[in-house]
Amino acid sequence: MNRNNDFLYEAITQLEQLTKIQIEIDSSRENYDAILTIRGEQFIVESKSAIRASNQGLVLSKLEEIRNTNNRPIILIAEYISKDAASQLKERGFNYMDTSGNAFIKSNEVVIYIEGQKRRSAQLTNQSRAFQEAGIKTIFYLLSKPENLQHSYREIAENAGVAVGSVSNVMAELEDLNFLMKTKDKRVLKNKTELLERWMVAYNTVLRPRIVRHKMRFTSVEAANEWRTLNNGDTLWGGEPGGALLTNYLRPEKFTIFTNNDLPTIARSLNLVPDKNGNVEILQKFWKTENLNTNTAPALLIYTDLINSGFSRNVETAKIILENELRYIK
């Protein structure tokens, strides 16, 4: 249950004024943020303060999860929904409304579509240093392996590729934000699921755009089908191919590669050619530690890209990774 739900009533009031349709809300349910009743039909409410590119995949994956476990229609209510997110929600068949009056609701007895109401400015929530570049790299190192949390600040800084002072600041902020507790003997991460979600949003917003190097495509269908056998010695598969290697549950359509090699070397060894619309994305490897005896990126990065896609098959694969490789975060 979302206790800070004043904007739900604001969104409903705005839609009632625009449509002249009465909407009933029950926000006392324990399992859902609320239940709406529109013309006798009940909708499960999922609420978020804002939906934008950085958390769009997370929200879509949550809606998919609700849809797979419930027969009733779902409606997303937010203070702000970007135009692209609204388009994605509509395309995936998810109902939505925002506090400006934009809405898409299509079910048995209800059809409402309002677009063009002036959207409010989205308020950013990850403003602290813990969720800027140095903090993102530090938290990534802390979440990658449970034992990393107990390393010295100097070790963390060296492996995360940040300054020791940055580690000290990030640790202090994590403590202030109730994500970190220090005892005499060790450090303990708290509210790990929330920390993971905030890290994913910050990674998608701040760090990932900075490490994207180029887009390419395979030179032939045969090369694309043989991607598992292609390796240049410093190729770490992320996203869909990384998920396929970890779970054997996915057939990749988009390919993500983390590497420090130069682009011509990557192109030759993996049978790639530059293509700004290609389905192979080359990213700079930003962490220092090595993945021994494997050609996949860290599971945390694979999980993040799969969730961020919002596609159901990718989300299912991400959940397998969370249950296995990342079970210590749950």
Protein backbone atom coordinates (compact mmCIF):
# COMPACT_ATOMS: atom_id res chain seq x y z
CA MET A 1 0.00 0.00 0.00
CA ASN A 2 1.34 3.41 -0.99
CA ARG A 3 0.73 5.68 1.99
CA ASN A 4 1.75 8.86 0.16
CA ASN A 5 -1.17 8.71 -2.23
CA ASP A 6 -2.60 12.23 -2.34
CA PHE A 7 -1.86 12.43 -6.07
CA LEU A 8 -4.20 9.49 -6.68
CA TYR A 9 -7.15 11.64 -5.62
CA GLU A 10 -5.83 14.57 -7.64
CA ALA A 11 -5.58 12.44 -10.80
CA ILE A 12 -9.05 10.97 -10.28
CA THR A 13 -10.62 14.38 -9.64
CA GLN A 14 -9.03 15.77 -12.79
CA LEU A 15 -10.30 12.86 -14.90
CA GLU A 16 -13.80 13.15 -13.41
CA GLN A 17 -13.90 16.85 -14.37
CA LEU A 18 -12.81 16.12 -17.94
CA THR A 19 -15.10 13.11 -18.54
CA LYS A 20 -18.04 13.78 -16.19
CA ILE A 21 -17.73 10.12 -15.15
CA GLN A 22 -17.86 9.31 -11.44
CA ILE A 23 -14.91 7.26 -10.15
CA GLU A 24 -14.84 5.49 -6.78
CA ILE A 25 -11.56 4.77 -4.99
CA ASP A 26 -10.81 2.31 -2.19
CA SER A 27 -7.29 2.95 -0.87
CA SER A 28 -7.59 0.71 2.18
CA ARG A 29 -6.54 -2.53 0.45
CA GLU A 30 -3.39 -4.14 1.82
CA ASN A 31 -2.26 -5.87 -1.38
CA TYR A 32 -2.72 -2.98 -3.79
CA ASP A 33 -2.17 0.76 -3.82
CA ALA A 34 -5.92 1.13 -4.38
CA ILE A 35 -8.96 -0.23 -6.21
CA LEU A 36 -10.85 2.02 -8.63
CA THR A 37 -14.43 1.43 -9.71
CA ILE A 38 -15.46 3.00 -13.01
CA ARG A 39 -18.95 2.28 -14.32
CA GLY A 40 -19.18 -0.81 -12.17
CA GLU A 41 -15.82 -2.25 -13.23
CA GLN A 42 -12.95 -2.62 -10.76
CA PHE A 43 -9.34 -1.73 -11.62
CA ILE A 44 -6.21 -2.62 -9.63
CA VAL A 45 -4.13 0.51 -9.07
CA GLU A 46 -0.35 0.67 -9.27
CA SER A 47 0.93 4.13 -8.35
CA LYS A 48 4.25 5.85 -9.03
CA SER A 49 5.25 9.47 -8.58
CA ALA A 50 6.78 9.70 -12.07
CA ILE A 51 7.34 7.48 -15.11
CA ARG A 52 10.20 8.44 -17.40
CA ALA A 53 12.81 6.65 -19.53
CA SER A 54 15.01 5.82 -16.54
CA ASN A 55 12.37 3.79 -14.66
CA GLN A 56 10.00 2.91 -17.49
CA GLY A 57 11.26 -0.68 -17.72
CA LEU A 58 10.92 -1.21 -13.98
CA VAL A 59 7.34 0.02 -14.03
CA LEU A 60 6.40 -2.07 -17.08
CA SER A 61 7.89 -5.19 -15.50
CA LYS A 62 5.87 -4.59 -12.32
CA LEU A 63 2.67 -4.14 -14.35
CA GLU A 64 3.42 -7.36 -16.26
CA GLU A 65 3.83 -9.17 -12.95
CA ILE A 66 0.47 -7.89 -11.69
CA ARG A 67 -1.23 -8.78 -14.97
CA ASN A 68 0.12 -12.33 -14.85
CA THR A 69 -1.29 -12.92 -11.37
CA ASN A 70 -4.68 -11.14 -11.58
CA ASN A 71 -7.79 -11.28 -13.71
CA ARG A 72 -8.88 -7.70 -13.06
CA PRO A 73 -7.68 -4.87 -15.30
CA ILE A 74 -4.80 -2.71 -14.06
CA ILE A 75 -4.45 1.05 -14.09
CA LEU A 76 -1.25 2.98 -13.47
CA ILE A 77 -1.67 6.36 -11.77
CA ALA A 78 1.21 8.83 -11.60
CA GLU A 79 1.84 12.51 -11.06
CA TYR A 80 3.91 12.59 -14.27
CA ILE A 81 4.06 10.19 -17.24
CA SER A 82 6.38 11.08 -20.10
CA LYS A 83 4.98 10.98 -23.65
CA ASP A 84 7.17 8.02 -24.55
CA ALA A 85 6.16 6.12 -21.41
CA ALA A 86 2.49 6.84 -22.13
CA SER A 87 2.94 5.49 -25.65
CA GLN A 88 4.62 2.34 -24.34
CA LEU A 89 1.88 1.78 -21.76
CA LYS A 90 -0.83 2.15 -24.40
CA GLU A 91 1.04 -0.14 -26.80
CA ARG A 92 1.38 -2.83 -24.11
CA GLY A 93 -2.31 -2.57 -23.20
CA PHE A 94 -1.88 -0.94 -19.79
CA ASN A 95 -4.35 1.69 -18.60
CA TYR A 96 -2.97 4.90 -17.12
CA MET A 97 -3.84 8.38 -15.90
CA ASP A 98 -1.79 11.31 -14.63
CA THR A 99 -2.60 14.35 -12.53
CA SER A 100 -2.80 16.57 -15.62
CA GLY A 101 -5.75 14.60 -16.99
CA ASN A 102 -3.99 12.55 -19.67
CA ALA A 103 -5.45 9.05 -19.61
CA PHE A 104 -5.87 5.79 -21.49
CA ILE A 105 -8.46 3.40 -20.06
CA LYS A 106 -9.85 0.58 -22.17
CA SER A 107 -11.76 -2.32 -20.70
CA ASN A 108 -15.10 -4.10 -20.98
CA GLU A 109 -17.37 -1.21 -20.06
CA VAL A 110 -14.96 1.72 -20.22
CA VAL A 111 -13.11 3.47 -23.06
CA ILE A 112 -11.33 6.76 -22.24
CA TYR A 113 -8.46 8.33 -24.13
CA ILE A 114 -7.29 11.85 -23.34
CA GLU A 115 -4.00 13.24 -24.62
CA GLY A 116 -2.60 16.74 -24.95
CA GLN A 117 -3.15 17.97 -21.41
CA LYS A 118 -0.08 19.95 -20.38
CA ARG A 119 2.22 17.67 -18.40
CA ARG A 120 3.80 18.85 -15.19
CA SER A 121 7.57 18.93 -14.86
CA ALA A 122 9.01 15.68 -13.55
CA GLN A 123 10.80 15.99 -10.23
CA LEU A 124 14.05 14.06 -9.98
CA THR A 125 14.49 12.01 -6.79
CA ASN A 126 18.07 10.74 -7.08
CA GLN A 127 19.83 14.04 -6.37
CA SER A 128 22.23 12.90 -3.65
CA ARG A 129 25.88 12.12 -4.43
CA ALA A 130 25.18 8.45 -3.72
CA PHE A 131 23.26 8.31 -7.01
CA GLN A 132 25.65 10.34 -9.16
CA GLU A 133 28.45 8.71 -11.18
CA ALA A 134 30.94 7.93 -8.38
CA GLY A 135 28.12 6.74 -6.14
CA ILE A 136 26.63 4.57 -8.89
CA LYS A 137 29.99 2.85 -9.40
CA THR A 138 30.47 2.41 -5.65
CA ILE A 139 27.01 0.95 -5.07
CA PHE A 140 27.48 -1.32 -8.08
CA TYR A 141 30.59 -2.75 -6.45
CA LEU A 142 28.80 -3.17 -3.11
CA LEU A 143 25.84 -4.95 -4.69
CA SER A 144 27.88 -7.13 -7.05
CA LYS A 145 29.08 -9.50 -4.32
CA PRO A 146 28.05 -9.68 -0.64
CA GLU A 147 31.67 -9.80 0.57
CA ASN A 148 32.54 -6.53 -1.19
CA LEU A 149 30.68 -4.57 1.47
CA GLN A 150 33.26 -5.53 4.09
CA HIS A 151 36.28 -4.35 2.10
CA SER A 152 38.25 -1.29 3.17
CA TYR A 153 37.39 2.06 1.63
CA ARG A 154 40.67 1.93 -0.28
CA GLU A 155 39.85 -1.50 -1.75
CA ILE A 156 36.34 -0.37 -2.67
CA ALA A 157 37.70 2.79 -4.30
CA GLU A 158 40.31 0.89 -6.30
CA ASN A 159 37.90 -1.75 -7.57
CA ALA A 160 35.05 0.68 -8.24
CA GLY A 161 37.34 3.13 -10.03
CA VAL A 162 36.55 6.11 -7.80
CA ALA A 163 38.37 8.25 -5.24
CA VAL A 164 38.60 7.13 -1.61
CA GLY A 165 36.90 10.37 -0.57
CA SER A 166 33.96 9.54 -2.82
CA VAL A 167 33.55 6.15 -1.13
CA SER A 168 33.52 7.83 2.28
CA ASN A 169 30.85 10.30 1.15
CA VAL A 170 28.72 7.63 -0.47
CA MET A 171 28.87 5.39 2.61
CA ALA A 172 27.80 8.30 4.82
CA GLU A 173 24.88 9.11 2.54
CA LEU A 174 23.77 5.47 2.35
CA GLU A 175 23.72 5.46 6.14
CA ASP A 176 21.68 8.67 6.23
CA LEU A 177 19.25 7.24 3.66
CA ASN A 178 18.74 4.12 5.81
CA PHE A 179 20.41 1.79 3.32
CA LEU A 180 23.50 1.04 5.41
CA MET A 181 24.05 0.07 9.02
CA LYS A 182 27.44 -0.16 10.69
CA THR A 183 28.16 -2.43 13.65
CA LYS A 184 31.41 -3.01 15.51
CA ASP A 185 32.29 -5.96 13.28
CA LYS A 186 30.73 -5.33 9.90
CA ARG A 187 28.56 -3.27 7.58
CA VAL A 188 25.03 -4.37 6.67
CA LEU A 189 22.91 -3.22 3.73
CA LYS A 190 19.27 -2.50 4.59
CA ASN A 191 16.23 -2.10 2.34
CA LYS A 192 18.17 -3.77 -0.44
CA THR A 193 15.26 -4.05 -2.86
CA GLU A 194 14.63 -0.30 -2.69
CA LEU A 195 18.36 0.40 -2.97
CA LEU A 196 18.56 -1.84 -6.05
CA GLU A 197 15.65 -0.03 -7.72
CA ARG A 198 17.10 3.41 -7.00
CA TRP A 199 20.49 2.28 -8.27
CA MET A 200 18.94 0.94 -11.48
CA VAL A 201 17.17 4.23 -12.14
CA ALA A 202 20.38 6.20 -11.48
CA TYR A 203 22.46 3.84 -13.64
CA ASN A 204 20.01 4.17 -16.55
CA THR A 205 19.83 7.95 -16.17
CA VAL A 206 23.39 8.97 -15.35
CA LEU A 207 26.01 6.33 -16.07
CA ARG A 208 24.77 4.14 -18.91
CA PRO A 209 24.35 6.98 -21.45
CA ARG A 210 27.97 8.01 -20.77
CA ILE A 211 29.45 4.58 -21.49
CA VAL A 212 27.62 3.84 -24.76
CA ARG A 213 30.29 3.83 -27.47
CA HIS A 214 28.72 2.69 -30.74
CA LYS A 215 25.98 0.68 -32.41
CA MET A 216 26.74 -2.09 -34.90
CA ARG A 217 25.16 -5.09 -36.58
CA PHE A 218 26.34 -8.55 -37.54
CA THR A 219 27.64 -8.92 -41.08
CA SER A 220 25.27 -11.83 -41.76
CA VAL A 221 22.47 -13.90 -40.29
CA GLU A 222 24.96 -16.73 -39.87
CA ALA A 223 27.26 -14.54 -37.77
CA ALA A 224 24.33 -13.46 -35.59
CA ASN A 225 23.29 -17.08 -35.06
CA GLU A 226 26.84 -18.01 -34.03
CA TRP A 227 27.28 -15.20 -31.49
CA ARG A 228 27.99 -17.70 -28.67
CA THR A 229 31.15 -18.86 -30.40
CA LEU A 230 32.46 -15.36 -31.12
CA ASN A 231 34.92 -13.94 -28.61
CA ASN A 232 37.84 -11.55 -28.83
CA GLY A 233 39.20 -12.29 -25.36
CA ASP A 234 37.71 -9.18 -23.79
CA THR A 235 34.07 -9.46 -24.79
CA LEU A 236 31.56 -9.53 -21.96
CA TRP A 237 27.99 -10.14 -23.02
CA GLY A 238 25.35 -8.14 -21.19
CA GLY A 239 21.61 -7.70 -21.63
CA GLU A 240 19.83 -10.38 -23.64
CA PRO A 241 22.88 -12.47 -24.66
CA GLY A 242 24.18 -12.31 -21.08
CA GLY A 243 20.77 -13.48 -19.86
CA ALA A 244 20.78 -16.30 -22.41
CA LEU A 245 24.20 -17.49 -21.21
CA LEU A 246 23.24 -17.35 -17.52
CA THR A 247 19.84 -19.03 -17.85
CA ASN A 248 19.57 -20.69 -21.28
CA TYR A 249 16.04 -19.24 -21.27
CA LEU A 250 16.26 -16.52 -23.88
CA ARG A 251 16.98 -16.09 -27.57
CA PRO A 252 18.62 -12.67 -27.97
CA GLU A 253 17.30 -10.14 -30.44
CA LYS A 254 19.31 -7.18 -29.14
CA PHE A 255 22.96 -7.60 -28.17
CA THR A 256 24.90 -5.73 -25.50
CA ILE A 257 28.69 -5.90 -25.20
CA PHE A 258 30.93 -4.45 -22.49
CA THR A 259 34.58 -4.14 -23.53
CA ASN A 260 37.70 -2.01 -23.30
CA ASN A 261 38.91 -3.05 -26.77
CA ASP A 262 38.97 -0.57 -29.65
CA LEU A 263 36.05 -0.65 -32.06
CA PRO A 264 37.94 -2.01 -35.14
CA THR A 265 39.19 -4.98 -33.09
CA ILE A 266 35.68 -5.69 -31.82
CA ALA A 267 34.23 -5.43 -35.32
CA ARG A 268 36.76 -7.85 -36.84
CA SER A 269 36.58 -10.47 -34.11
CA LEU A 270 32.78 -10.48 -33.81
CA ASN A 271 31.91 -10.01 -37.50
CA LEU A 272 30.30 -6.61 -36.96
CA VAL A 273 29.92 -3.48 -39.05
CA PRO A 274 28.92 0.02 -37.86
CA ASP A 275 25.20 0.78 -38.09
CA LYS A 276 23.52 3.56 -36.13
CA ASN A 277 20.32 1.52 -36.15
CA GLY A 278 22.05 -1.79 -35.43
CA ASN A 279 20.98 -4.25 -32.76
CA VAL A 280 24.47 -4.60 -31.24
CA GLU A 281 25.36 -1.96 -28.65
CA ILE A 282 28.98 -1.54 -27.56
CA LEU A 283 29.52 -0.14 -24.07
CA GLN A 284 32.68 0.78 -22.19
CA LYS A 285 33.54 -1.57 -19.33
CA PHE A 286 33.55 0.69 -16.27
CA TRP A 287 34.43 -1.65 -13.41
CA LYS A 288 37.90 -2.88 -12.42
CA THR A 289 37.32 -6.41 -11.12
CA GLU A 290 37.45 -9.29 -13.58
CA ASN A 291 34.92 -12.04 -14.23
CA LEU A 292 37.08 -15.15 -14.09
CA ASN A 293 36.31 -18.04 -16.47
CA THR A 294 33.25 -16.36 -17.99
CA ASN A 295 32.40 -14.10 -20.89
CA THR A 296 29.32 -12.51 -19.31
CA ALA A 297 29.09 -9.11 -17.69
CA PRO A 298 28.25 -9.05 -13.95
CA ALA A 299 24.80 -10.46 -13.27
CA LEU A 300 23.65 -7.13 -11.81
CA LEU A 301 24.18 -5.37 -15.15
CA ILE A 302 22.49 -8.15 -17.10
CA TYR A 303 19.52 -8.07 -14.72
CA THR A 304 19.25 -4.28 -15.01
CA ASP A 305 19.18 -4.21 -18.81
CA LEU A 306 16.67 -7.05 -18.99
CA ILE A 307 14.32 -5.34 -16.54
CA ASN A 308 14.78 -1.98 -18.23
CA SER A 309 13.57 -3.42 -21.56
CA GLY A 310 10.14 -4.06 -20.02
CA PHE A 311 9.53 -7.03 -22.35
CA SER A 312 7.90 -9.98 -20.61
CA ARG A 313 10.38 -12.64 -21.78
CA ASN A 314 13.31 -10.48 -20.65
CA VAL A 315 11.61 -9.78 -17.33
CA GLU A 316 11.06 -13.51 -16.78
CA THR A 317 14.76 -14.11 -17.46
CA ALA A 318 15.72 -11.30 -15.08
CA LYS A 319 13.66 -12.91 -12.33
CA ILE A 320 15.56 -16.18 -12.80
CA ILE A 321 18.83 -14.27 -12.41
CA LEU A 322 17.50 -12.53 -9.29
CA GLU A 323 16.51 -15.90 -7.78
CA ASN A 324 19.92 -17.43 -8.50
CA GLU A 325 22.91 -15.18 -9.15
CA LEU A 326 21.47 -12.22 -7.19
CA ARG A 327 19.52 -14.01 -4.47
CA TYR A 328 21.61 -12.31 -1.76
CA ILE A 329 19.99 -8.96 -2.71
CA LYS A 330 16.44 -10.13 -2.07
